[in-house]
Amino acid sequence: MTRVPLPHRRANYVVEFDHEGQHYTATVGYCHSGRPAEVFFDCGKSGSDLQTAAHDLAVLTSLAFQHGCDVETVLHALTQDSDGKPAGPMGVLLTLLPKDPPPDPILAPIPSPLTPPQPAEVHP
């Protein structure tokens, strides 16, 4: 599979959550098609084993997305507990993603401050 190059500007979703007593902040970047394309994790002290593992997990998940894996495929491959819930922070993050991606900053219309407001229609 070929890696999908990412646009320079892209929509993203930021989520904070706790898992196993650790606080995580994650940012998921989306490509124009609305598919997740990259993941960034922040947790623990910079340089700690936890931060290193979270960073490496985010890089590997990003590469999987960029090579065509969807969220469900990645989620299915991750460890689950006996109740079928995600056992690790990446699985928790993937279950927290919105079903509809955030609006694309390139494709979303930007109102112009120079455009005068349109008068309301009057119906007799």
PDB file of N, CA and C in Angstrom:
ATOM      1  N   MET A   1       0.824  -1.183   0.000  1.00  0.00           N
ATOM      2  CA  MET A   1       0.000   0.000   0.000  1.00  0.00           C
ATOM      3  C   MET A   1       0.870   1.248   0.000  1.00  0.00           C
ATOM      4  N   THR A   2       0.381   2.272  -0.616  1.00  0.00           N
ATOM      5  CA  THR A   2       1.082   3.541  -0.667  1.00  0.00           C
ATOM      6  C   THR A   2       0.549   4.464   0.415  1.00  0.00           C
ATOM      7  N   ARG A   3       1.467   5.172   1.045  1.00  0.00           N
ATOM      8  CA  ARG A   3       1.070   6.126   2.085  1.00  0.00           C
ATOM      9  C   ARG A   3       0.379   7.318   1.439  1.00  0.00           C
ATOM     10  N   VAL A   4      -0.732   7.735   2.043  1.00  0.00           N
ATOM     11  CA  VAL A   4      -1.479   8.892   1.564  1.00  0.00           C
ATOM     12  C   VAL A   4      -0.808  10.158   2.092  1.00  0.00           C
ATOM     13  N   PRO A   5      -0.348  11.055   1.201  1.00  0.00           N
ATOM     14  CA  PRO A   5       0.238  12.305   1.698  1.00  0.00           C
ATOM     15  C   PRO A   5      -0.838  13.181   2.334  1.00  0.00           C
ATOM     16  N   LEU A   6      -0.484  13.847   3.409  1.00  0.00           N
ATOM     17  CA  LEU A   6      -1.455  14.660   4.139  1.00  0.00           C
ATOM     18  C   LEU A   6      -1.426  16.101   3.650  1.00  0.00           C
ATOM     19  N   PRO A   7      -2.596  16.743   3.614  1.00  0.00           N
ATOM     20  CA  PRO A   7      -2.615  18.164   3.272  1.00  0.00           C
ATOM     21  C   PRO A   7      -1.957  18.971   4.397  1.00  0.00           C
ATOM     22  N   HIS A   8      -1.455  20.140   4.071  1.00  0.00           N
ATOM     23  CA  HIS A   8      -0.789  20.969   5.074  1.00  0.00           C
ATOM     24  C   HIS A   8      -1.767  21.476   6.129  1.00  0.00           C
ATOM     25  N   ARG A   9      -3.001  21.791   5.722  1.00  0.00           N
ATOM     26  CA  ARG A   9      -4.045  22.205   6.670  1.00  0.00           C
ATOM     27  C   ARG A   9      -5.106  21.125   6.677  1.00  0.00           C
ATOM     28  N   ARG A  10      -5.514  20.717   7.867  1.00  0.00           N
ATOM     29  CA  ARG A  10      -6.523  19.667   7.960  1.00  0.00           C
ATOM     30  C   ARG A  10      -7.330  19.826   9.249  1.00  0.00           C
ATOM     31  N   ALA A  11      -8.511  19.286   9.194  1.00  0.00           N
ATOM     32  CA  ALA A  11      -9.377  19.315  10.373  1.00  0.00           C
ATOM     33  C   ALA A  11      -8.771  18.434  11.465  1.00  0.00           C
ATOM     34  N   ASN A  12      -9.056  18.759  12.710  1.00  0.00           N
ATOM     35  CA  ASN A  12      -8.593  17.907  13.795  1.00  0.00           C
ATOM     36  C   ASN A  12      -9.603  17.898  14.927  1.00  0.00           C
ATOM     37  N   TYR A  13      -9.453  16.913  15.778  1.00  0.00           N
ATOM     38  CA  TYR A  13     -10.333  16.706  16.915  1.00  0.00           C
ATOM     39  C   TYR A  13      -9.434  16.497  18.129  1.00  0.00           C
ATOM     40  N   VAL A  14      -9.672  17.253  19.196  1.00  0.00           N
ATOM     41  CA  VAL A  14      -8.884  17.137  20.418  1.00  0.00           C
ATOM     42  C   VAL A  14      -9.766  16.553  21.508  1.00  0.00           C
ATOM     43  N   VAL A  15      -9.242  15.575  22.223  1.00  0.00           N
ATOM     44  CA  VAL A  15     -10.001  14.951  23.306  1.00  0.00           C
ATOM     45  C   VAL A  15      -9.068  14.703  24.484  1.00  0.00           C
ATOM     46  N   GLU A  16      -9.589  14.914  25.682  1.00  0.00           N
ATOM     47  CA  GLU A  16      -8.869  14.600  26.913  1.00  0.00           C
ATOM     48  C   GLU A  16      -9.624  13.487  27.624  1.00  0.00           C
ATOM     49  N   PHE A  17      -8.877  12.540  28.176  1.00  0.00           N
ATOM     50  CA  PHE A  17      -9.514  11.443  28.900  1.00  0.00           C
ATOM     51  C   PHE A  17      -8.524  10.843  29.882  1.00  0.00           C
ATOM     52  N   ASP A  18      -9.068  10.095  30.837  1.00  0.00           N
ATOM     53  CA  ASP A  18      -8.249   9.386  31.816  1.00  0.00           C
ATOM     54  C   ASP A  18      -8.373   7.894  31.568  1.00  0.00           C
ATOM     55  N   HIS A  19      -7.250   7.204  31.712  1.00  0.00           N
ATOM     56  CA  HIS A  19      -7.243   5.750  31.558  1.00  0.00           C
ATOM     57  C   HIS A  19      -6.212   5.167  32.514  1.00  0.00           C
ATOM     58  N   GLU A  20      -6.653   4.235  33.351  1.00  0.00           N
ATOM     59  CA  GLU A  20      -5.764   3.567  34.305  1.00  0.00           C
ATOM     60  C   GLU A  20      -4.982   4.569  35.152  1.00  0.00           C
ATOM     61  N   GLY A  21      -5.673   5.628  35.587  1.00  0.00           N
ATOM     62  CA  GLY A  21      -5.057   6.603  36.477  1.00  0.00           C
ATOM     63  C   GLY A  21      -4.140   7.604  35.789  1.00  0.00           C
ATOM     64  N   GLN A  22      -4.099   7.593  34.471  1.00  0.00           N
ATOM     65  CA  GLN A  22      -3.236   8.518  33.731  1.00  0.00           C
ATOM     66  C   GLN A  22      -4.091   9.429  32.869  1.00  0.00           C
ATOM     67  N   HIS A  23      -3.752  10.712  32.825  1.00  0.00           N
ATOM     68  CA  HIS A  23      -4.479  11.681  32.011  1.00  0.00           C
ATOM     69  C   HIS A  23      -3.834  11.763  30.632  1.00  0.00           C
ATOM     70  N   TYR A  24      -4.659  11.714  29.582  1.00  0.00           N
ATOM     71  CA  TYR A  24      -4.192  11.784  28.199  1.00  0.00           C
ATOM     72  C   TYR A  24      -4.865  12.959  27.489  1.00  0.00           C
ATOM     73  N   THR A  25      -4.119  13.606  26.632  1.00  0.00           N
ATOM     74  CA  THR A  25      -4.664  14.569  25.685  1.00  0.00           C
ATOM     75  C   THR A  25      -4.256  14.062  24.309  1.00  0.00           C
ATOM     76  N   ALA A  26      -5.230  13.906  23.440  1.00  0.00           N
ATOM     77  CA  ALA A  26      -4.952  13.386  22.106  1.00  0.00           C
ATOM     78  C   ALA A  26      -5.525  14.327  21.056  1.00  0.00           C
ATOM     79  N   THR A  27      -4.818  14.433  19.950  1.00  0.00           N
ATOM     80  CA  THR A  27      -5.295  15.180  18.794  1.00  0.00           C
ATOM     81  C   THR A  27      -5.297  14.230  17.617  1.00  0.00           C
ATOM     82  N   VAL A  28      -6.429  14.163  16.927  1.00  0.00           N
ATOM     83  CA  VAL A  28      -6.553  13.327  15.734  1.00  0.00           C
ATOM     84  C   VAL A  28      -6.750  14.253  14.551  1.00  0.00           C
ATOM     85  N   GLY A  29      -5.863  14.155  13.569  1.00  0.00           N
ATOM     86  CA  GLY A  29      -5.968  14.947  12.351  1.00  0.00           C
ATOM     87  C   GLY A  29      -6.672  14.147  11.272  1.00  0.00           C
ATOM     88  N   TYR A  30      -7.482  14.822  10.475  1.00  0.00           N
ATOM     89  CA  TYR A  30      -8.269  14.167   9.429  1.00  0.00           C
ATOM     90  C   TYR A  30      -7.825  14.626   8.045  1.00  0.00           C
ATOM     91  N   CYS A  31      -7.893  13.715   7.055  1.00  0.00           N
ATOM     92  CA  CYS A  31      -7.638  14.122   5.672  1.00  0.00           C
ATOM     93  C   CYS A  31      -8.952  14.652   5.082  1.00  0.00           C
ATOM     94  N   HIS A  32      -8.888  15.214   3.884  1.00  0.00           N
ATOM     95  CA  HIS A  32     -10.062  15.847   3.283  1.00  0.00           C
ATOM     96  C   HIS A  32     -11.232  14.886   3.087  1.00  0.00           C
ATOM     97  N   SER A  33     -10.946  13.597   2.987  1.00  0.00           N
ATOM     98  CA  SER A  33     -12.024  12.619   2.799  1.00  0.00           C
ATOM     99  C   SER A  33     -12.816  12.377   4.080  1.00  0.00           C
ATOM    100  N   GLY A  34     -12.306  12.882   5.213  1.00  0.00           N
ATOM    101  CA  GLY A  34     -12.983  12.688   6.493  1.00  0.00           C
ATOM    102  C   GLY A  34     -12.441  11.516   7.288  1.00  0.00           C
ATOM    103  N   ARG A  35     -11.447  10.817   6.749  1.00  0.00           N
ATOM    104  CA  ARG A  35     -10.838   9.691   7.467  1.00  0.00           C
ATOM    105  C   ARG A  35      -9.752  10.196   8.411  1.00  0.00           C
ATOM    106  N   PRO A  36      -9.613   9.583   9.593  1.00  0.00           N
ATOM    107  CA  PRO A  36      -8.497   9.943  10.456  1.00  0.00           C
ATOM    108  C   PRO A  36      -7.177   9.661   9.736  1.00  0.00           C
ATOM    109  N   ALA A  37      -6.191  10.532   9.938  1.00  0.00           N
ATOM    110  CA  ALA A  37      -4.922  10.378   9.240  1.00  0.00           C
ATOM    111  C   ALA A  37      -3.719  10.404  10.172  1.00  0.00           C
ATOM    112  N   GLU A  38      -3.875  10.981  11.354  1.00  0.00           N
ATOM    113  CA  GLU A  38      -2.744  11.063  12.270  1.00  0.00           C
ATOM    114  C   GLU A  38      -3.246  11.209  13.696  1.00  0.00           C
ATOM    115  N   VAL A  39      -2.404  10.758  14.631  1.00  0.00           N
ATOM    116  CA  VAL A  39      -2.728  10.824  16.048  1.00  0.00           C
ATOM    117  C   VAL A  39      -1.525  11.385  16.793  1.00  0.00           C
ATOM    118  N   PHE A  40      -1.791  12.293  17.726  1.00  0.00           N
ATOM    119  CA  PHE A  40      -0.764  12.808  18.623  1.00  0.00           C
ATOM    120  C   PHE A  40      -1.253  12.569  20.048  1.00  0.00           C
ATOM    121  N   PHE A  41      -0.373  12.042  20.902  1.00  0.00           N
ATOM    122  CA  PHE A  41      -0.702  11.779  22.295  1.00  0.00           C
ATOM    123  C   PHE A  41       0.180  12.626  23.189  1.00  0.00           C
ATOM    124  N   ASP A  42      -0.373  13.142  24.267  1.00  0.00           N
ATOM    125  CA  ASP A  42       0.405  13.806  25.300  1.00  0.00           C
ATOM    126  C   ASP A  42      -0.021  13.214  26.627  1.00  0.00           C
ATOM    127  N   CYS A  43       0.944  12.721  27.373  1.00  0.00           N
ATOM    128  CA  CYS A  43       0.646  12.157  28.697  1.00  0.00           C
ATOM    129  C   CYS A  43       1.942  12.042  29.483  1.00  0.00           C
ATOM    130  N   GLY A  44       1.814  12.020  30.757  1.00  0.00           N
ATOM    131  CA  GLY A  44       2.983  11.828  31.604  1.00  0.00           C
ATOM    132  C   GLY A  44       4.035  12.899  31.416  1.00  0.00           C
ATOM    133  N   LYS A  45       5.152  12.699  32.064  1.00  0.00           N
ATOM    134  CA  LYS A  45       6.274  13.630  31.960  1.00  0.00           C
ATOM    135  C   LYS A  45       6.971  13.437  30.626  1.00  0.00           C
ATOM    136  N   SER A  46       7.439  14.530  30.071  1.00  0.00           N
ATOM    137  CA  SER A  46       8.223  14.456  28.843  1.00  0.00           C
ATOM    138  C   SER A  46       9.463  13.605  29.101  1.00  0.00           C
ATOM    139  N   GLY A  47       9.722  12.658  28.225  1.00  0.00           N
ATOM    140  CA  GLY A  47      10.880  11.780  28.379  1.00  0.00           C
ATOM    141  C   GLY A  47      10.613  10.541  29.209  1.00  0.00           C
ATOM    142  N   SER A  48       9.417  10.434  29.804  1.00  0.00           N
ATOM    143  CA  SER A  48       9.100   9.251  30.611  1.00  0.00           C
ATOM    144  C   SER A  48       8.819   8.056  29.703  1.00  0.00           C
ATOM    145  N   ASP A  49       8.884   6.858  30.277  1.00  0.00           N
ATOM    146  CA  ASP A  49       8.579   5.645  29.516  1.00  0.00           C
ATOM    147  C   ASP A  49       7.158   5.687  28.972  1.00  0.00           C
ATOM    148  N   LEU A  50       6.223   6.204  29.770  1.00  0.00           N
ATOM    149  CA  LEU A  50       4.826   6.287  29.333  1.00  0.00           C
ATOM    150  C   LEU A  50       4.693   7.227  28.139  1.00  0.00           C
ATOM    151  N   GLN A  51       5.330   8.389  28.200  1.00  0.00           N
ATOM    152  CA  GLN A  51       5.268   9.347  27.099  1.00  0.00           C
ATOM    153  C   GLN A  51       5.887   8.753  25.839  1.00  0.00           C
ATOM    154  N   THR A  52       6.992   8.053  25.981  1.00  0.00           N
ATOM    155  CA  THR A  52       7.650   7.427  24.829  1.00  0.00           C
ATOM    156  C   THR A  52       6.751   6.360  24.211  1.00  0.00           C
ATOM    157  N   ALA A  53       6.153   5.524  25.038  1.00  0.00           N
ATOM    158  CA  ALA A  53       5.268   4.465  24.524  1.00  0.00           C
ATOM    159  C   ALA A  53       4.040   5.068  23.844  1.00  0.00           C
ATOM    160  N   ALA A  54       3.472   6.113  24.442  1.00  0.00           N
ATOM    161  CA  ALA A  54       2.296   6.758  23.851  1.00  0.00           C
ATOM    162  C   ALA A  54       2.654   7.404  22.512  1.00  0.00           C
ATOM    163  N   HIS A  55       3.798   8.049  22.438  1.00  0.00           N
ATOM    164  CA  HIS A  55       4.244   8.670  21.186  1.00  0.00           C
ATOM    165  C   HIS A  55       4.429   7.608  20.101  1.00  0.00           C
ATOM    166  N   ASP A  56       5.116   6.512  20.449  1.00  0.00           N
ATOM    167  CA  ASP A  56       5.342   5.451  19.460  1.00  0.00           C
ATOM    168  C   ASP A  56       4.024   4.832  19.000  1.00  0.00           C
ATOM    169  N   LEU A  57       3.090   4.638  19.924  1.00  0.00           N
ATOM    170  CA  LEU A  57       1.782   4.096  19.563  1.00  0.00           C
ATOM    171  C   LEU A  57       1.035   5.038  18.627  1.00  0.00           C
ATOM    172  N   ALA A  58       1.136   6.334  18.892  1.00  0.00           N
ATOM    173  CA  ALA A  58       0.480   7.320  18.026  1.00  0.00           C
ATOM    174  C   ALA A  58       1.095   7.315  16.625  1.00  0.00           C
ATOM    175  N   VAL A  59       2.411   7.205  16.533  1.00  0.00           N
ATOM    176  CA  VAL A  59       3.079   7.161  15.226  1.00  0.00           C
ATOM    177  C   VAL A  59       2.639   5.921  14.452  1.00  0.00           C
ATOM    178  N   LEU A  60       2.629   4.770  15.098  1.00  0.00           N
ATOM    179  CA  LEU A  60       2.231   3.532  14.413  1.00  0.00           C
ATOM    180  C   LEU A  60       0.768   3.580  13.971  1.00  0.00           C
ATOM    181  N   THR A  61      -0.096   4.135  14.810  1.00  0.00           N
ATOM    182  CA  THR A  61      -1.510   4.256  14.435  1.00  0.00           C
ATOM    183  C   THR A  61      -1.655   5.230  13.268  1.00  0.00           C
ATOM    184  N   SER A  62      -0.905   6.319  13.287  1.00  0.00           N
ATOM    185  CA  SER A  62      -0.937   7.280  12.178  1.00  0.00           C
ATOM    186  C   SER A  62      -0.511   6.607  10.874  1.00  0.00           C
ATOM    187  N   LEU A  63       0.557   5.835  10.927  1.00  0.00           N
ATOM    188  CA  LEU A  63       1.013   5.125   9.724  1.00  0.00           C
ATOM    189  C   LEU A  63      -0.043   4.141   9.226  1.00  0.00           C
ATOM    190  N   ALA A  64      -0.707   3.457  10.145  1.00  0.00           N
ATOM    191  CA  ALA A  64      -1.776   2.533   9.740  1.00  0.00           C
ATOM    192  C   ALA A  64      -2.890   3.295   9.026  1.00  0.00           C
ATOM    193  N   PHE A  65      -3.309   4.438   9.578  1.00  0.00           N
ATOM    194  CA  PHE A  65      -4.349   5.250   8.934  1.00  0.00           C
ATOM    195  C   PHE A  65      -3.894   5.720   7.554  1.00  0.00           C
ATOM    196  N   GLN A  66      -2.656   6.166   7.457  1.00  0.00           N
ATOM    197  CA  GLN A  66      -2.148   6.711   6.200  1.00  0.00           C
ATOM    198  C   GLN A  66      -1.927   5.634   5.135  1.00  0.00           C
ATOM    199  N   HIS A  67      -1.914   4.372   5.557  1.00  0.00           N
ATOM    200  CA  HIS A  67      -1.783   3.272   4.608  1.00  0.00           C
ATOM    201  C   HIS A  67      -3.121   2.576   4.370  1.00  0.00           C
ATOM    202  N   GLY A  68      -4.212   3.208   4.788  1.00  0.00           N
ATOM    203  CA  GLY A  68      -5.534   2.718   4.426  1.00  0.00           C
ATOM    204  C   GLY A  68      -6.335   1.997   5.486  1.00  0.00           C
ATOM    205  N   CYS A  69      -5.773   1.749   6.670  1.00  0.00           N
ATOM    206  CA  CYS A  69      -6.549   1.094   7.731  1.00  0.00           C
ATOM    207  C   CYS A  69      -7.600   2.063   8.261  1.00  0.00           C
ATOM    208  N   ASP A  70      -8.777   1.556   8.530  1.00  0.00           N
ATOM    209  CA  ASP A  70      -9.817   2.404   9.114  1.00  0.00           C
ATOM    210  C   ASP A  70      -9.827   2.224  10.632  1.00  0.00           C
ATOM    211  N   VAL A  71     -10.599   3.045  11.296  1.00  0.00           N
ATOM    212  CA  VAL A  71     -10.651   3.033  12.761  1.00  0.00           C
ATOM    213  C   VAL A  71     -11.068   1.659  13.276  1.00  0.00           C
ATOM    214  N   GLU A  72     -12.075   1.050  12.667  1.00  0.00           N
ATOM    215  CA  GLU A  72     -12.576  -0.238  13.137  1.00  0.00           C
ATOM    216  C   GLU A  72     -11.506  -1.325  13.046  1.00  0.00           C
ATOM    217  N   THR A  73     -10.704  -1.308  11.976  1.00  0.00           N
ATOM    218  CA  THR A  73      -9.648  -2.310  11.810  1.00  0.00           C
ATOM    219  C   THR A  73      -8.587  -2.155  12.892  1.00  0.00           C
ATOM    220  N   VAL A  74      -8.163  -0.924  13.143  1.00  0.00           N
ATOM    221  CA  VAL A  74      -7.163  -0.672  14.180  1.00  0.00           C
ATOM    222  C   VAL A  74      -7.732  -1.047  15.542  1.00  0.00           C
ATOM    223  N   LEU A  75      -8.943  -0.632  15.819  1.00  0.00           N
ATOM    224  CA  LEU A  75      -9.577  -0.924  17.111  1.00  0.00           C
ATOM    225  C   LEU A  75      -9.690  -2.432  17.339  1.00  0.00           C
ATOM    226  N   HIS A  76     -10.056  -3.168  16.309  1.00  0.00           N
ATOM    227  CA  HIS A  76     -10.184  -4.624  16.414  1.00  0.00           C
ATOM    228  C   HIS A  76      -8.832  -5.284  16.709  1.00  0.00           C
ATOM    229  N   ALA A  77      -7.746  -4.698  16.202  1.00  0.00           N
ATOM    230  CA  ALA A  77      -6.413  -5.280  16.389  1.00  0.00           C
ATOM    231  C   ALA A  77      -5.841  -5.011  17.780  1.00  0.00           C
ATOM    232  N   LEU A  78      -6.374  -4.023  18.485  1.00  0.00           N
ATOM    233  CA  LEU A  78      -5.847  -3.664  19.802  1.00  0.00           C
ATOM    234  C   LEU A  78      -6.406  -4.577  20.889  1.00  0.00           C
ATOM    235  N   THR A  79      -5.694  -4.678  21.992  1.00  0.00           N
ATOM    236  CA  THR A  79      -6.087  -5.526  23.109  1.00  0.00           C
ATOM    237  C   THR A  79      -7.384  -5.040  23.742  1.00  0.00           C
ATOM    238  N   GLN A  80      -8.244  -6.008  24.078  1.00  0.00           N
ATOM    239  CA  GLN A  80      -9.506  -5.709  24.757  1.00  0.00           C
ATOM    240  C   GLN A  80      -9.540  -6.458  26.083  1.00  0.00           C
ATOM    241  N   ASP A  81     -10.304  -5.924  27.041  1.00  0.00           N
ATOM    242  CA  ASP A  81     -10.433  -6.618  28.318  1.00  0.00           C
ATOM    243  C   ASP A  81     -11.491  -7.715  28.197  1.00  0.00           C
ATOM    244  N   SER A  82     -11.790  -8.380  29.289  1.00  0.00           N
ATOM    245  CA  SER A  82     -12.732  -9.506  29.256  1.00  0.00           C
ATOM    246  C   SER A  82     -14.156  -9.079  28.905  1.00  0.00           C
ATOM    247  N   ASP A  83     -14.469  -7.789  29.053  1.00  0.00           N
ATOM    248  CA  ASP A  83     -15.789  -7.277  28.687  1.00  0.00           C
ATOM    249  C   ASP A  83     -15.836  -6.801  27.242  1.00  0.00           C
ATOM    250  N   GLY A  84     -14.724  -6.922  26.520  1.00  0.00           N
ATOM    251  CA  GLY A  84     -14.670  -6.467  25.136  1.00  0.00           C
ATOM    252  C   GLY A  84     -14.400  -4.987  24.983  1.00  0.00           C
ATOM    253  N   LYS A  85     -14.047  -4.322  26.078  1.00  0.00           N
ATOM    254  CA  LYS A  85     -13.718  -2.889  26.034  1.00  0.00           C
ATOM    255  C   LYS A  85     -12.212  -2.733  25.806  1.00  0.00           C
ATOM    256  N   PRO A  86     -11.807  -1.614  25.216  1.00  0.00           N
ATOM    257  CA  PRO A  86     -10.382  -1.404  24.973  1.00  0.00           C
ATOM    258  C   PRO A  86      -9.576  -1.467  26.272  1.00  0.00           C
ATOM    259  N   ALA A  87      -8.434  -2.154  26.221  1.00  0.00           N
ATOM    260  CA  ALA A  87      -7.590  -2.286  27.399  1.00  0.00           C
ATOM    261  C   ALA A  87      -6.533  -1.196  27.482  1.00  0.00           C
ATOM    262  N   GLY A  88      -6.246  -0.532  26.371  1.00  0.00           N
ATOM    263  CA  GLY A  88      -5.196   0.479  26.350  1.00  0.00           C
ATOM    264  C   GLY A  88      -5.710   1.844  25.938  1.00  0.00           C
ATOM    265  N   PRO A  89      -4.864   2.860  26.062  1.00  0.00           N
ATOM    266  CA  PRO A  89      -5.300   4.226  25.776  1.00  0.00           C
ATOM    267  C   PRO A  89      -5.665   4.479  24.313  1.00  0.00           C
ATOM    268  N   MET A  90      -5.000   3.831  23.356  1.00  0.00           N
ATOM    269  CA  MET A  90      -5.351   4.058  21.951  1.00  0.00           C
ATOM    270  C   MET A  90      -6.747   3.528  21.660  1.00  0.00           C
ATOM    271  N   GLY A  91      -7.068   2.374  22.191  1.00  0.00           N
ATOM    272  CA  GLY A  91      -8.411   1.833  22.003  1.00  0.00           C
ATOM    273  C   GLY A  91      -9.470   2.740  22.609  1.00  0.00           C
ATOM    274  N   VAL A  92      -9.188   3.271  23.804  1.00  0.00           N
ATOM    275  CA  VAL A  92     -10.124   4.207  24.432  1.00  0.00           C
ATOM    276  C   VAL A  92     -10.306   5.432  23.546  1.00  0.00           C
ATOM    277  N   LEU A  93      -9.196   5.987  23.064  1.00  0.00           N
ATOM    278  CA  LEU A  93      -9.283   7.156  22.184  1.00  0.00           C
ATOM    279  C   LEU A  93     -10.134   6.857  20.954  1.00  0.00           C
ATOM    280  N   LEU A  94      -9.905   5.739  20.302  1.00  0.00           N
ATOM    281  CA  LEU A  94     -10.634   5.433  19.071  1.00  0.00           C
ATOM    282  C   LEU A  94     -12.133   5.286  19.314  1.00  0.00           C
ATOM    283  N   THR A  95     -12.517   4.834  20.509  1.00  0.00           N
ATOM    284  CA  THR A  95     -13.952   4.740  20.813  1.00  0.00           C
ATOM    285  C   THR A  95     -14.565   6.102  21.111  1.00  0.00           C
ATOM    286  N   LEU A  96     -13.723   7.103  21.415  1.00  0.00           N
ATOM    287  CA  LEU A  96     -14.217   8.444  21.720  1.00  0.00           C
ATOM    288  C   LEU A  96     -14.326   9.343  20.492  1.00  0.00           C
ATOM    289  N   LEU A  97     -13.825   8.893  19.357  1.00  0.00           N
ATOM    290  CA  LEU A  97     -13.876   9.727  18.153  1.00  0.00           C
ATOM    291  C   LEU A  97     -15.315   9.907  17.687  1.00  0.00           C
ATOM    292  N   PRO A  98     -15.646  11.086  17.209  1.00  0.00           N
ATOM    293  CA  PRO A  98     -17.012  11.318  16.709  1.00  0.00           C
ATOM    294  C   PRO A  98     -17.255  10.511  15.432  1.00  0.00           C
ATOM    295  N   LYS A  99     -18.489  10.117  15.230  1.00  0.00           N
ATOM    296  CA  LYS A  99     -18.838   9.368  14.018  1.00  0.00           C
ATOM    297  C   LYS A  99     -18.688  10.241  12.776  1.00  0.00           C
ATOM    298  N   ASP A 100     -18.996  11.527  12.911  1.00  0.00           N
ATOM    299  CA  ASP A 100     -18.826  12.465  11.806  1.00  0.00           C
ATOM    300  C   ASP A 100     -17.576  13.279  12.069  1.00  0.00           C
ATOM    301  N   PRO A 101     -16.675  13.355  11.084  1.00  0.00           N
ATOM    302  CA  PRO A 101     -15.440  14.106  11.297  1.00  0.00           C
ATOM    303  C   PRO A 101     -15.708  15.598  11.426  1.00  0.00           C
ATOM    304  N   PRO A 102     -14.776  16.325  12.031  1.00  0.00           N
ATOM    305  CA  PRO A 102     -14.940  17.782  12.123  1.00  0.00           C
ATOM    306  C   PRO A 102     -14.912  18.397  10.724  1.00  0.00           C
ATOM    307  N   PRO A 103     -15.456  19.589  10.556  1.00  0.00           N
ATOM    308  CA  PRO A 103     -15.457  20.208   9.237  1.00  0.00           C
ATOM    309  C   PRO A 103     -14.043  20.488   8.751  1.00  0.00           C
ATOM    310  N   ASP A 104     -13.842  20.299   7.469  1.00  0.00           N
ATOM    311  CA  ASP A 104     -12.539  20.516   6.847  1.00  0.00           C
ATOM    312  C   ASP A 104     -12.273  22.016   6.758  1.00  0.00           C
ATOM    313  N   PRO A 105     -11.139  22.498   7.288  1.00  0.00           N
ATOM    314  CA  PRO A 105     -10.889  23.942   7.260  1.00  0.00           C
ATOM    315  C   PRO A 105     -10.716  24.485   5.837  1.00  0.00           C
ATOM    316  N   ILE A 106     -10.339  23.651   4.899  1.00  0.00           N
ATOM    317  CA  ILE A 106     -10.154  24.092   3.516  1.00  0.00           C
ATOM    318  C   ILE A 106     -11.503  24.173   2.799  1.00  0.00           C
ATOM    319  N   LEU A 107     -12.367  23.191   3.057  1.00  0.00           N
ATOM    320  CA  LEU A 107     -13.628  23.102   2.330  1.00  0.00           C
ATOM    321  C   LEU A 107     -14.767  23.862   2.994  1.00  0.00           C
ATOM    322  N   ALA A 108     -14.641  24.169   4.269  1.00  0.00           N
ATOM    323  CA  ALA A 108     -15.718  24.866   4.972  1.00  0.00           C
ATOM    324  C   ALA A 108     -15.801  26.310   4.480  1.00  0.00           C
ATOM    325  N   PRO A 109     -17.001  26.796   4.229  1.00  0.00           N
ATOM    326  CA  PRO A 109     -17.121  28.185   3.770  1.00  0.00           C
ATOM    327  C   PRO A 109     -16.740  29.150   4.887  1.00  0.00           C
ATOM    328  N   ILE A 110     -16.026  30.167   4.514  1.00  0.00           N
ATOM    329  CA  ILE A 110     -15.622  31.194   5.478  1.00  0.00           C
ATOM    330  C   ILE A 110     -16.396  32.461   5.135  1.00  0.00           C
ATOM    331  N   PRO A 111     -17.236  32.936   6.048  1.00  0.00           N
ATOM    332  CA  PRO A 111     -18.002  34.146   5.752  1.00  0.00           C
ATOM    333  C   PRO A 111     -17.062  35.344   5.585  1.00  0.00           C
ATOM    334  N   SER A 112     -17.323  36.129   4.602  1.00  0.00           N
ATOM    335  CA  SER A 112     -16.508  37.307   4.352  1.00  0.00           C
ATOM    336  C   SER A 112     -17.053  38.481   5.151  1.00  0.00           C
ATOM    337  N   PRO A 113     -16.180  39.214   5.829  1.00  0.00           N
ATOM    338  CA  PRO A 113     -16.655  40.384   6.567  1.00  0.00           C
ATOM    339  C   PRO A 113     -17.077  41.508   5.623  1.00  0.00           C
ATOM    340  N   LEU A 114     -16.725  41.384   4.347  1.00  0.00           N
ATOM    341  CA  LEU A 114     -17.063  42.424   3.374  1.00  0.00           C
ATOM    342  C   LEU A 114     -18.424  42.205   2.727  1.00  0.00           C
ATOM    343  N   THR A 115     -18.996  41.006   2.913  1.00  0.00           N
ATOM    344  CA  THR A 115     -20.295  40.721   2.322  1.00  0.00           C
ATOM    345  C   THR A 115     -21.384  41.288   3.217  1.00  0.00           C
ATOM    346  N   PRO A 116     -22.209  42.203   2.677  1.00  0.00           N
ATOM    347  CA  PRO A 116     -23.267  42.780   3.514  1.00  0.00           C
ATOM    348  C   PRO A 116     -24.334  41.732   3.809  1.00  0.00           C
ATOM    349  N   PRO A 117     -24.993  41.851   4.946  1.00  0.00           N
ATOM    350  CA  PRO A 117     -26.057  40.892   5.275  1.00  0.00           C
ATOM    351  C   PRO A 117     -27.199  41.037   4.267  1.00  0.00           C
ATOM    352  N   GLN A 118     -27.808  39.927   3.967  1.00  0.00           N
ATOM    353  CA  GLN A 118     -28.916  39.921   3.018  1.00  0.00           C
ATOM    354  C   GLN A 118     -30.215  40.250   3.758  1.00  0.00           C
ATOM    355  N   PRO A 119     -31.088  41.069   3.131  1.00  0.00           N
ATOM    356  CA  PRO A 119     -32.363  41.397   3.805  1.00  0.00           C
ATOM    357  C   PRO A 119     -33.240  40.160   3.877  1.00  0.00           C
ATOM    358  N   ALA A 120     -34.002  40.096   4.924  1.00  0.00           N
ATOM    359  CA  ALA A 120     -34.940  38.983   5.113  1.00  0.00           C
ATOM    360  C   ALA A 120     -36.049  39.078   4.077  1.00  0.00           C
ATOM    361  N   GLU A 121     -36.523  37.911   3.649  1.00  0.00           N
ATOM    362  CA  GLU A 121     -37.646  37.894   2.686  1.00  0.00           C
ATOM    363  C   GLU A 121     -38.924  38.287   3.422  1.00  0.00           C
ATOM    364  N   VAL A 122     -39.730  39.100   2.751  1.00  0.00           N
ATOM    365  CA  VAL A 122     -40.990  39.518   3.325  1.00  0.00           C
ATOM    366  C   VAL A 122     -42.105  38.836   2.543  1.00  0.00           C
ATOM    367  N   HIS A 123     -42.971  38.141   3.251  1.00  0.00           N
ATOM    368  CA  HIS A 123     -44.088  37.444   2.618  1.00  0.00           C
ATOM    369  C   HIS A 123     -45.388  38.144   3.005  1.00  0.00           C
ATOM    370  N   PRO A 124     -46.139  38.638   2.005  1.00  0.00           N
ATOM    371  CA  PRO A 124     -47.400  39.340   2.344  1.00  0.00           C
ATOM    372  C   PRO A 124     -48.454  38.401   2.891  1.00  0.00           C
TER     373      PRO A 124
END
